[in-house]
Amino acid sequence: RADLAVLAGPWPEDTEPLDCPVRVYLGDSDTGV
């Protein structure tokens, strides 16, 4: 519940791209993403 509160915000306003290589890993049956 504490982590869900973190996800609910607020979050920092900095939206500058990270400017580093990025890899995304996904589960092919993950219905949440």
PDB file of all heavy atoms in Angstrom:
ATOM      1  N   ARG A   1       0.831  -1.208   0.000  1.00  0.00           N
ATOM      2  CA  ARG A   1       0.000   0.000   0.000  1.00  0.00           C
ATOM      3  C   ARG A   1       0.865   1.257   0.000  1.00  0.00           C
ATOM      4  O   ARG A   1       0.521   2.259  -0.645  1.00  0.00           O
ATOM      5  CB  ARG A   1      -0.938  -0.019   1.192  1.00  0.00           C
ATOM      6  CG  ARG A   1      -2.012  -1.097   1.102  1.00  0.00           C
ATOM      7  CD  ARG A   1      -2.894  -1.100   2.338  1.00  0.00           C
ATOM      8  NE  ARG A   1      -3.689   0.134   2.421  1.00  0.00           N
ATOM      9  CZ  ARG A   1      -4.449   0.432   3.467  1.00  0.00           C
ATOM     10  NH1 ARG A   1      -4.521  -0.382   4.516  1.00  0.00           N
ATOM     11  NH2 ARG A   1      -5.150   1.554   3.471  1.00  0.00           N
ATOM     12  N   ALA A   2       1.994   1.218   0.702  1.00  0.00           N
ATOM     13  CA  ALA A   2       2.907   2.363   0.683  1.00  0.00           C
ATOM     14  C   ALA A   2       3.456   2.583  -0.726  1.00  0.00           C
ATOM     15  O   ALA A   2       3.543   3.723  -1.204  1.00  0.00           O
ATOM     16  CB  ALA A   2       4.048   2.148   1.676  1.00  0.00           C
ATOM     17  N   ASP A   3       3.827   1.495  -1.406  1.00  0.00           N
ATOM     18  CA  ASP A   3       4.355   1.627  -2.766  1.00  0.00           C
ATOM     19  C   ASP A   3       3.292   2.127  -3.733  1.00  0.00           C
ATOM     20  O   ASP A   3       3.582   2.905  -4.650  1.00  0.00           O
ATOM     21  CB  ASP A   3       4.918   0.289  -3.240  1.00  0.00           C
ATOM     22  CG  ASP A   3       6.192  -0.106  -2.518  1.00  0.00           C
ATOM     23  OD1 ASP A   3       6.779   0.755  -1.839  1.00  0.00           O
ATOM     24  OD2 ASP A   3       6.600  -1.277  -2.622  1.00  0.00           O
ATOM     25  N   LEU A   4       2.064   1.685  -3.556  1.00  0.00           N
ATOM     26  CA  LEU A   4       0.981   2.174  -4.404  1.00  0.00           C
ATOM     27  C   LEU A   4       0.741   3.661  -4.178  1.00  0.00           C
ATOM     28  O   LEU A   4       0.410   4.400  -5.115  1.00  0.00           O
ATOM     29  CB  LEU A   4      -0.292   1.373  -4.147  1.00  0.00           C
ATOM     30  CG  LEU A   4      -0.255  -0.090  -4.616  1.00  0.00           C
ATOM     31  CD1 LEU A   4      -1.482  -0.840  -4.122  1.00  0.00           C
ATOM     32  CD2 LEU A   4      -0.144  -0.183  -6.132  1.00  0.00           C
ATOM     33  N   ALA A   5       0.938   4.114  -2.931  1.00  0.00           N
ATOM     34  CA  ALA A   5       0.841   5.544  -2.659  1.00  0.00           C
ATOM     35  C   ALA A   5       1.948   6.310  -3.375  1.00  0.00           C
ATOM     36  O   ALA A   5       1.730   7.417  -3.887  1.00  0.00           O
ATOM     37  CB  ALA A   5       0.904   5.800  -1.151  1.00  0.00           C
ATOM     38  N   VAL A   6       3.154   5.726  -3.435  1.00  0.00           N
ATOM     39  CA  VAL A   6       4.253   6.343  -4.188  1.00  0.00           C
ATOM     40  C   VAL A   6       3.855   6.482  -5.657  1.00  0.00           C
ATOM     41  O   VAL A   6       4.025   7.540  -6.283  1.00  0.00           O
ATOM     42  CB  VAL A   6       5.539   5.510  -4.046  1.00  0.00           C
ATOM     43  CG1 VAL A   6       6.608   5.997  -5.029  1.00  0.00           C
ATOM     44  CG2 VAL A   6       6.075   5.582  -2.619  1.00  0.00           C
ATOM     45  N   LEU A   7       3.305   5.412  -6.213  1.00  0.00           N
ATOM     46  CA  LEU A   7       2.928   5.435  -7.624  1.00  0.00           C
ATOM     47  C   LEU A   7       1.796   6.427  -7.894  1.00  0.00           C
ATOM     48  O   LEU A   7       1.710   6.995  -8.989  1.00  0.00           O
ATOM     49  CB  LEU A   7       2.501   4.033  -8.066  1.00  0.00           C
ATOM     50  CG  LEU A   7       3.644   3.023  -8.207  1.00  0.00           C
ATOM     51  CD1 LEU A   7       3.093   1.616  -8.342  1.00  0.00           C
ATOM     52  CD2 LEU A   7       4.527   3.367  -9.393  1.00  0.00           C
ATOM     53  N   ALA A   8       0.945   6.648  -6.898  1.00  0.00           N
ATOM     54  CA  ALA A   8      -0.172   7.572  -7.080  1.00  0.00           C
ATOM     55  C   ALA A   8       0.282   9.024  -7.142  1.00  0.00           C
ATOM     56  O   ALA A   8      -0.481   9.901  -7.527  1.00  0.00           O
ATOM     57  CB  ALA A   8      -1.191   7.388  -5.958  1.00  0.00           C
ATOM     58  N   GLY A   9       1.524   9.284  -6.763  1.00  0.00           N
ATOM     59  CA  GLY A   9       2.087  10.621  -6.925  1.00  0.00           C
ATOM     60  C   GLY A   9       2.058  11.423  -5.654  1.00  0.00           C
ATOM     61  O   GLY A   9       1.621  10.942  -4.615  1.00  0.00           O
ATOM     62  N   PRO A  10       2.592  12.660  -5.751  1.00  0.00           N
ATOM     63  CA  PRO A  10       3.118  13.350  -6.947  1.00  0.00           C
ATOM     64  C   PRO A  10       4.508  12.869  -7.340  1.00  0.00           C
ATOM     65  O   PRO A  10       5.219  12.259  -6.530  1.00  0.00           O
ATOM     66  CB  PRO A  10       3.157  14.811  -6.492  1.00  0.00           C
ATOM     67  CG  PRO A  10       3.439  14.717  -5.023  1.00  0.00           C
ATOM     68  CD  PRO A  10       2.685  13.508  -4.539  1.00  0.00           C
ATOM     69  N   TRP A  11       4.890  13.173  -8.589  1.00  0.00           N
ATOM     70  CA  TRP A  11       6.196  12.813  -9.122  1.00  0.00           C
ATOM     71  C   TRP A  11       6.922  14.068  -9.587  1.00  0.00           C
ATOM     72  O   TRP A  11       6.286  15.097  -9.861  1.00  0.00           O
ATOM     73  CB  TRP A  11       6.035  11.825 -10.279  1.00  0.00           C
ATOM     74  CG  TRP A  11       5.747  10.437  -9.781  1.00  0.00           C
ATOM     75  CD1 TRP A  11       4.602  10.026  -9.168  1.00  0.00           C
ATOM     76  CD2 TRP A  11       6.623   9.309  -9.808  1.00  0.00           C
ATOM     77  NE1 TRP A  11       4.700   8.704  -8.816  1.00  0.00           N
ATOM     78  CE2 TRP A  11       5.930   8.232  -9.201  1.00  0.00           C
ATOM     79  CE3 TRP A  11       7.907   9.093 -10.300  1.00  0.00           C
ATOM     80  CZ2 TRP A  11       6.486   6.964  -9.063  1.00  0.00           C
ATOM     81  CZ3 TRP A  11       8.475   7.835 -10.173  1.00  0.00           C
ATOM     82  CH2 TRP A  11       7.768   6.793  -9.559  1.00  0.00           C
ATOM     83  N   PRO A  12       8.251  14.008  -9.708  1.00  0.00           N
ATOM     84  CA  PRO A  12       9.004  15.197 -10.146  1.00  0.00           C
ATOM     85  C   PRO A  12       8.548  15.685 -11.512  1.00  0.00           C
ATOM     86  O   PRO A  12       8.069  14.907 -12.353  1.00  0.00           O
ATOM     87  CB  PRO A  12      10.450  14.692 -10.193  1.00  0.00           C
ATOM     88  CG  PRO A  12      10.484  13.539  -9.251  1.00  0.00           C
ATOM     89  CD  PRO A  12       9.142  12.884  -9.364  1.00  0.00           C
ATOM     90  N   GLU A  13       8.717  16.971 -11.732  1.00  0.00           N
ATOM     91  CA  GLU A  13       8.292  17.594 -12.983  1.00  0.00           C
ATOM     92  C   GLU A  13       9.347  17.505 -14.083  1.00  0.00           C
ATOM     93  O   GLU A  13       9.082  17.849 -15.222  1.00  0.00           O
ATOM     94  CB  GLU A  13       7.944  19.063 -12.735  1.00  0.00           C
ATOM     95  CG  GLU A  13       6.740  19.261 -11.821  1.00  0.00           C
ATOM     96  CD  GLU A  13       5.463  18.694 -12.427  1.00  0.00           C
ATOM     97  OE1 GLU A  13       5.313  18.757 -13.664  1.00  0.00           O
ATOM     98  OE2 GLU A  13       4.632  18.187 -11.663  1.00  0.00           O
ATOM     99  N   ASP A  14      10.557  17.097 -13.744  1.00  0.00           N
ATOM    100  CA  ASP A  14      11.644  17.008 -14.727  1.00  0.00           C
ATOM    101  C   ASP A  14      11.271  15.966 -15.784  1.00  0.00           C
ATOM    102  O   ASP A  14      11.115  14.783 -15.481  1.00  0.00           O
ATOM    103  CB  ASP A  14      12.943  16.607 -14.031  1.00  0.00           C
ATOM    104  CG  ASP A  14      14.142  16.562 -14.986  1.00  0.00           C
ATOM    105  OD1 ASP A  14      13.951  16.773 -16.200  1.00  0.00           O
ATOM    106  OD2 ASP A  14      15.262  16.324 -14.507  1.00  0.00           O
ATOM    107  N   THR A  15      11.120  16.399 -17.028  1.00  0.00           N
ATOM    108  CA  THR A  15      10.760  15.480 -18.115  1.00  0.00           C
ATOM    109  C   THR A  15      11.837  15.412 -19.186  1.00  0.00           C
ATOM    110  O   THR A  15      11.600  14.913 -20.284  1.00  0.00           O
ATOM    111  CB  THR A  15       9.429  15.909 -18.769  1.00  0.00           C
ATOM    112  OG1 THR A  15       9.547  17.262 -19.242  1.00  0.00           O
ATOM    113  CG2 THR A  15       8.286  15.817 -17.778  1.00  0.00           C
ATOM    114  N   GLU A  16      13.030  15.914 -18.874  1.00  0.00           N
ATOM    115  CA  GLU A  16      14.122  15.814 -19.840  1.00  0.00           C
ATOM    116  C   GLU A  16      14.470  14.347 -20.079  1.00  0.00           C
ATOM    117  O   GLU A  16      14.541  13.556 -19.132  1.00  0.00           O
ATOM    118  CB  GLU A  16      15.351  16.558 -19.324  1.00  0.00           C
ATOM    119  CG  GLU A  16      15.218  18.062 -19.354  1.00  0.00           C
ATOM    120  CD  GLU A  16      15.088  18.590 -20.768  1.00  0.00           C
ATOM    121  OE1 GLU A  16      15.835  18.141 -21.656  1.00  0.00           O
ATOM    122  OE2 GLU A  16      14.210  19.440 -20.995  1.00  0.00           O
ATOM    123  N   PRO A  17      14.683  13.942 -21.334  1.00  0.00           N
ATOM    124  CA  PRO A  17      15.051  12.551 -21.604  1.00  0.00           C
ATOM    125  C   PRO A  17      16.312  12.159 -20.841  1.00  0.00           C
ATOM    126  O   PRO A  17      17.151  12.989 -20.500  1.00  0.00           O
ATOM    127  CB  PRO A  17      15.290  12.546 -23.123  1.00  0.00           C
ATOM    128  CG  PRO A  17      14.494  13.698 -23.635  1.00  0.00           C
ATOM    129  CD  PRO A  17      14.552  14.741 -22.563  1.00  0.00           C
ATOM    130  N   LEU A  18      16.451  10.865 -20.598  1.00  0.00           N
ATOM    131  CA  LEU A  18      17.587  10.364 -19.824  1.00  0.00           C
ATOM    132  C   LEU A  18      18.887  10.443 -20.606  1.00  0.00           C
ATOM    133  O   LEU A  18      19.959  10.511 -20.028  1.00  0.00           O
ATOM    134  CB  LEU A  18      17.322   8.920 -19.401  1.00  0.00           C
ATOM    135  CG  LEU A  18      16.099   8.719 -18.509  1.00  0.00           C
ATOM    136  CD1 LEU A  18      15.875   7.236 -18.262  1.00  0.00           C
ATOM    137  CD2 LEU A  18      16.250   9.468 -17.203  1.00  0.00           C
ATOM    138  N   ASP A  19      18.792  10.377 -21.937  1.00  0.00           N
ATOM    139  CA  ASP A  19      19.975  10.493 -22.796  1.00  0.00           C
ATOM    140  C   ASP A  19      20.997   9.406 -22.518  1.00  0.00           C
ATOM    141  O   ASP A  19      22.200   9.647 -22.446  1.00  0.00           O
ATOM    142  CB  ASP A  19      20.620  11.879 -22.650  1.00  0.00           C
ATOM    143  CG  ASP A  19      21.558  12.200 -23.817  1.00  0.00           C
ATOM    144  OD1 ASP A  19      21.277  11.678 -24.917  1.00  0.00           O
ATOM    145  OD2 ASP A  19      22.556  12.910 -23.625  1.00  0.00           O
ATOM    146  N   CYS A  20      20.510   8.172 -22.340  1.00  0.00           N
ATOM    147  CA  CYS A  20      21.385   7.008 -22.224  1.00  0.00           C
ATOM    148  C   CYS A  20      20.719   5.869 -22.995  1.00  0.00           C
ATOM    149  O   CYS A  20      19.543   5.956 -23.351  1.00  0.00           O
ATOM    150  CB  CYS A  20      21.609   6.621 -20.759  1.00  0.00           C
ATOM    151  SG  CYS A  20      20.138   5.971 -19.925  1.00  0.00           S
ATOM    152  N   PRO A  21      21.433   4.798 -23.292  1.00  0.00           N
ATOM    153  CA  PRO A  21      20.774   3.655 -23.918  1.00  0.00           C
ATOM    154  C   PRO A  21      19.654   3.111 -23.027  1.00  0.00           C
ATOM    155  O   PRO A  21      19.786   3.086 -21.799  1.00  0.00           O
ATOM    156  CB  PRO A  21      21.905   2.625 -24.066  1.00  0.00           C
ATOM    157  CG  PRO A  21      23.157   3.438 -24.046  1.00  0.00           C
ATOM    158  CD  PRO A  21      22.886   4.576 -23.123  1.00  0.00           C
ATOM    159  N   VAL A  22      18.554   2.696 -23.648  1.00  0.00           N
ATOM    160  CA  VAL A  22      17.417   2.157 -22.908  1.00  0.00           C
ATOM    161  C   VAL A  22      17.001   0.826 -23.541  1.00  0.00           C
ATOM    162  O   VAL A  22      16.872   0.723 -24.766  1.00  0.00           O
ATOM    163  CB  VAL A  22      16.223   3.129 -22.912  1.00  0.00           C
ATOM    164  CG1 VAL A  22      14.987   2.479 -22.263  1.00  0.00           C
ATOM    165  CG2 VAL A  22      16.572   4.422 -22.173  1.00  0.00           C
ATOM    166  N   ARG A  23      16.798  -0.173 -22.687  1.00  0.00           N
ATOM    167  CA  ARG A  23      16.242  -1.448 -23.109  1.00  0.00           C
ATOM    168  C   ARG A  23      14.968  -1.695 -22.316  1.00  0.00           C
ATOM    169  O   ARG A  23      14.924  -1.453 -21.116  1.00  0.00           O
ATOM    170  CB  ARG A  23      17.233  -2.595 -22.865  1.00  0.00           C
ATOM    171  CG  ARG A  23      18.522  -2.492 -23.661  1.00  0.00           C
ATOM    172  CD  ARG A  23      18.265  -2.668 -25.145  1.00  0.00           C
ATOM    173  NE  ARG A  23      19.483  -2.605 -25.940  1.00  0.00           N
ATOM    174  CZ  ARG A  23      19.972  -1.495 -26.481  1.00  0.00           C
ATOM    175  NH1 ARG A  23      19.336  -0.337 -26.302  1.00  0.00           N
ATOM    176  NH2 ARG A  23      21.073  -1.517 -27.202  1.00  0.00           N
ATOM    177  N   VAL A  24      13.944  -2.181 -22.996  1.00  0.00           N
ATOM    178  CA  VAL A  24      12.683  -2.507 -22.356  1.00  0.00           C
ATOM    179  C   VAL A  24      12.466  -4.004 -22.442  1.00  0.00           C
ATOM    180  O   VAL A  24      12.573  -4.596 -23.521  1.00  0.00           O
ATOM    181  CB  VAL A  24      11.507  -1.756 -23.028  1.00  0.00           C
ATOM    182  CG1 VAL A  24      10.182  -2.205 -22.437  1.00  0.00           C
ATOM    183  CG2 VAL A  24      11.681  -0.252 -22.874  1.00  0.00           C
ATOM    184  N   TYR A  25      12.178  -4.630 -21.296  1.00  0.00           N
ATOM    185  CA  TYR A  25      11.888  -6.059 -21.232  1.00  0.00           C
ATOM    186  C   TYR A  25      10.403  -6.224 -20.897  1.00  0.00           C
ATOM    187  O   TYR A  25       9.903  -5.610 -19.942  1.00  0.00           O
ATOM    188  CB  TYR A  25      12.722  -6.742 -20.151  1.00  0.00           C
ATOM    189  CG  TYR A  25      14.215  -6.790 -20.388  1.00  0.00           C
ATOM    190  CD1 TYR A  25      15.061  -7.363 -19.439  1.00  0.00           C
ATOM    191  CD2 TYR A  25      14.799  -6.272 -21.545  1.00  0.00           C
ATOM    192  CE1 TYR A  25      16.432  -7.428 -19.634  1.00  0.00           C
ATOM    193  CE2 TYR A  25      16.161  -6.330 -21.756  1.00  0.00           C
ATOM    194  CZ  TYR A  25      16.976  -6.900 -20.786  1.00  0.00           C
ATOM    195  OH  TYR A  25      18.347  -6.946 -20.989  1.00  0.00           O
ATOM    196  N   LEU A  26       9.718  -7.065 -21.664  1.00  0.00           N
ATOM    197  CA  LEU A  26       8.278  -7.270 -21.485  1.00  0.00           C
ATOM    198  C   LEU A  26       7.947  -8.750 -21.438  1.00  0.00           C
ATOM    199  O   LEU A  26       8.580  -9.559 -22.129  1.00  0.00           O
ATOM    200  CB  LEU A  26       7.499  -6.632 -22.631  1.00  0.00           C
ATOM    201  CG  LEU A  26       7.551  -5.119 -22.809  1.00  0.00           C
ATOM    202  CD1 LEU A  26       6.766  -4.730 -24.045  1.00  0.00           C
ATOM    203  CD2 LEU A  26       7.025  -4.409 -21.576  1.00  0.00           C
ATOM    204  N   GLY A  27       6.932  -9.093 -20.649  1.00  0.00           N
ATOM    205  CA  GLY A  27       6.340 -10.418 -20.725  1.00  0.00           C
ATOM    206  C   GLY A  27       5.249 -10.416 -21.783  1.00  0.00           C
ATOM    207  O   GLY A  27       4.397  -9.519 -21.799  1.00  0.00           O
ATOM    208  N   ASP A  28       5.281 -11.387 -22.680  1.00  0.00           N
ATOM    209  CA  ASP A  28       4.339 -11.327 -23.805  1.00  0.00           C
ATOM    210  C   ASP A  28       2.889 -11.581 -23.380  1.00  0.00           C
ATOM    211  O   ASP A  28       1.955 -11.306 -24.148  1.00  0.00           O
ATOM    212  CB  ASP A  28       4.750 -12.280 -24.930  1.00  0.00           C
ATOM    213  CG  ASP A  28       4.808 -13.741 -24.512  1.00  0.00           C
ATOM    214  OD1 ASP A  28       4.376 -14.062 -23.372  1.00  0.00           O
ATOM    215  OD2 ASP A  28       5.280 -14.574 -25.311  1.00  0.00           O
ATOM    216  N   SER A  29       2.670 -12.073 -22.147  1.00  0.00           N
ATOM    217  CA  SER A  29       1.302 -12.244 -21.662  1.00  0.00           C
ATOM    218  C   SER A  29       0.989 -11.327 -20.482  1.00  0.00           C
ATOM    219  O   SER A  29       0.035 -11.563 -19.735  1.00  0.00           O
ATOM    220  CB  SER A  29       1.058 -13.708 -21.266  1.00  0.00           C
ATOM    221  OG  SER A  29       1.970 -14.128 -20.266  1.00  0.00           O
ATOM    222  N   ASP A  30       1.784 -10.268 -20.330  1.00  0.00           N
ATOM    223  CA  ASP A  30       1.534  -9.275 -19.284  1.00  0.00           C
ATOM    224  C   ASP A  30       0.418  -8.348 -19.757  1.00  0.00           C
ATOM    225  O   ASP A  30       0.621  -7.511 -20.639  1.00  0.00           O
ATOM    226  CB  ASP A  30       2.811  -8.485 -19.004  1.00  0.00           C
ATOM    227  CG  ASP A  30       2.662  -7.476 -17.864  1.00  0.00           C
ATOM    228  OD1 ASP A  30       1.532  -7.307 -17.363  1.00  0.00           O
ATOM    229  OD2 ASP A  30       3.682  -6.865 -17.479  1.00  0.00           O
ATOM    230  N   THR A  31      -0.764  -8.483 -19.164  1.00  0.00           N
ATOM    231  CA  THR A  31      -1.902  -7.686 -19.607  1.00  0.00           C
ATOM    232  C   THR A  31      -1.845  -6.252 -19.097  1.00  0.00           C
ATOM    233  O   THR A  31      -2.613  -5.400 -19.544  1.00  0.00           O
ATOM    234  CB  THR A  31      -3.211  -8.326 -19.126  1.00  0.00           C
ATOM    235  OG1 THR A  31      -3.195  -8.429 -17.688  1.00  0.00           O
ATOM    236  CG2 THR A  31      -3.391  -9.719 -19.725  1.00  0.00           C
ATOM    237  N   GLY A  32      -0.920  -5.963 -18.180  1.00  0.00           N
ATOM    238  CA  GLY A  32      -0.847  -4.627 -17.617  1.00  0.00           C
ATOM    239  C   GLY A  32       0.019  -3.659 -18.391  1.00  0.00           C
ATOM    240  O   GLY A  32      -0.029  -2.442 -18.136  1.00  0.00           O
ATOM    241  N   VAL A  33       0.820  -4.164 -19.332  1.00  0.00           N
ATOM    242  CA  VAL A  33       1.724  -3.302 -20.096  1.00  0.00           C
ATOM    243  C   VAL A  33       1.642  -3.684 -21.569  1.00  0.00           C
ATOM    244  O   VAL A  33       2.101  -4.758 -21.964  1.00  0.00           O
ATOM    245  CB  VAL A  33       3.188  -3.418 -19.614  1.00  0.00           C
ATOM    246  CG1 VAL A  33       4.068  -2.417 -20.359  1.00  0.00           C
ATOM    247  CG2 VAL A  33       3.294  -3.198 -18.116  1.00  0.00           C
TER     248      VAL A  33
END
